[in-house]
């Protein structure tokens, strides 16, 4: 799963043609690590309809602060350069898919 940074966030996320699910994550966050396999599976299954990326909050404070992310993991869906949905906390893949159904 690709990482995005403050430097390439505009190109990779805001400028993407597909909706983009961004996981705001941190190395020290156990629930974030739990979500790794879930997000990789989601990316593999929904890659035609949804781009899935990660942003490390510690290394990318500009983007983290711009979207007022305070808890990890935070999932944010961007479509046409705008955030359209935000979710906080780890969740099973089935629940994540249900929550994403209205935006992908």
Protein backbone atom coordinates (compact mmCIF):
# COMPACT_ATOMS: atom_id res chain seq x y z
CA UNK A 1 0.00 0.00 0.00
CA UNK A 2 1.54 3.30 -1.04
CA UNK A 3 2.50 5.99 1.43
CA UNK A 4 1.66 9.61 0.73
CA UNK A 5 3.46 12.60 2.20
CA UNK A 6 2.91 16.32 2.71
CA UNK A 7 4.86 16.81 -0.53
CA UNK A 8 2.80 14.52 -2.79
CA UNK A 9 -0.62 14.60 -1.06
CA UNK A 10 -2.08 17.08 -3.56
CA UNK A 11 -1.01 15.02 -6.58
CA UNK A 12 -1.68 11.54 -5.16
CA UNK A 13 -4.91 12.20 -3.25
CA UNK A 14 -6.55 15.48 -4.20
CA UNK A 15 -5.74 15.03 -7.89
CA UNK A 16 -6.67 11.34 -8.13
CA UNK A 17 -9.34 10.24 -10.58
CA UNK A 18 -10.68 7.54 -8.24
CA UNK A 19 -11.99 8.14 -4.72
CA UNK A 20 -9.06 7.78 -2.30
CA UNK A 21 -9.17 6.20 1.16
CA UNK A 22 -6.39 7.70 3.28
CA UNK A 23 -5.40 6.01 6.52
CA UNK A 24 -3.80 8.55 8.84
CA UNK A 25 -1.48 6.25 10.77
CA UNK A 26 1.50 6.17 13.12
CA UNK A 27 4.25 3.62 13.77
CA UNK A 28 3.44 3.61 17.50
CA UNK A 29 -0.28 2.84 16.97
CA UNK A 30 -1.25 -0.85 17.48
CA UNK A 31 -4.75 -0.47 15.95
CA UNK A 32 -3.11 1.09 12.88
CA UNK A 33 -0.90 -1.98 12.49
CA UNK A 34 -3.98 -4.21 12.82
CA UNK A 35 -5.54 -2.38 9.89
CA UNK A 36 -2.61 -3.13 7.53
CA UNK A 37 -3.88 -6.52 6.30
CA UNK A 38 -7.46 -5.21 6.11
CA UNK A 39 -6.42 -2.25 3.95
CA UNK A 40 -4.18 -4.37 1.71
CA UNK A 41 -7.12 -6.76 1.10
CA UNK A 42 -9.44 -3.82 0.45
CA UNK A 43 -6.96 -2.31 -2.02
CA UNK A 44 -6.67 -5.65 -3.84
CA UNK A 45 -10.44 -6.17 -4.04
CA UNK A 46 -11.58 -2.60 -4.75
CA UNK A 47 -8.56 -1.30 -6.69
CA UNK A 48 -10.70 -0.56 -9.76
CA UNK A 49 -13.03 1.70 -7.75
CA UNK A 50 -10.93 2.96 -4.84
CA UNK A 51 -7.31 3.99 -4.25
CA UNK A 52 -6.01 3.13 -0.77
CA UNK A 53 -3.00 4.97 0.73
CA UNK A 54 -1.40 5.64 4.11
CA UNK A 55 -0.09 8.89 5.58
CA UNK A 56 2.22 8.80 8.59
CA UNK A 57 1.04 11.56 10.92
CA UNK A 58 4.41 11.97 12.67
CA UNK A 59 6.32 12.53 9.43
CA UNK A 60 3.61 14.62 7.73
CA UNK A 61 2.28 17.18 10.22
CA UNK A 62 1.17 19.68 7.56
CA UNK A 63 -1.50 17.42 6.04
CA UNK A 64 -2.42 15.95 9.43
CA UNK A 65 -3.08 19.42 10.86
CA UNK A 66 -4.84 20.65 7.72
CA UNK A 67 -7.51 17.95 8.14
CA UNK A 68 -7.56 18.21 11.96
CA UNK A 69 -6.66 14.56 12.51
CA UNK A 70 -6.31 13.89 16.24
CA UNK A 71 -6.84 10.13 16.65
CA UNK A 72 -5.21 7.16 14.98
CA UNK A 73 -6.22 5.46 12.85
CA UNK A 74 -8.39 8.01 11.09
CA UNK A 75 -9.75 7.05 7.69
CA UNK A 76 -10.73 9.80 5.31
CA UNK A 77 -12.23 9.39 1.85
CA UNK A 78 -11.45 12.08 -0.71
CA UNK A 79 -13.36 12.48 -3.95
CA UNK A 80 -12.66 15.22 -6.51
CA UNK A 81 -10.16 16.84 -4.14
CA UNK A 82 -12.57 17.09 -1.20
CA UNK A 83 -12.96 15.00 1.96
CA UNK A 84 -16.37 13.31 1.76
CA UNK A 85 -16.23 10.93 4.72
CA UNK A 86 -14.18 10.42 7.89
CA UNK A 87 -14.07 7.47 10.30
CA UNK A 88 -11.98 6.99 13.44
CA UNK A 89 -10.76 3.68 14.86
CA UNK A 90 -9.91 0.19 13.68
CA UNK A 91 -12.72 -1.89 12.21
CA UNK A 92 -13.14 -5.23 10.42
CA UNK A 93 -13.06 -5.23 6.62
CA UNK A 94 -16.77 -6.05 6.32
CA UNK A 95 -17.74 -3.01 8.41
CA UNK A 96 -15.28 -0.78 6.55
CA UNK A 97 -16.79 -1.86 3.22
CA UNK A 98 -20.30 -1.14 4.52
CA UNK A 99 -19.22 2.34 5.62
CA UNK A 100 -17.57 3.02 2.28
CA UNK A 101 -20.52 1.80 0.18
CA UNK A 102 -22.01 5.27 -0.24
CA UNK A 103 -18.77 6.88 -1.43
CA UNK A 104 -17.29 4.34 -3.86
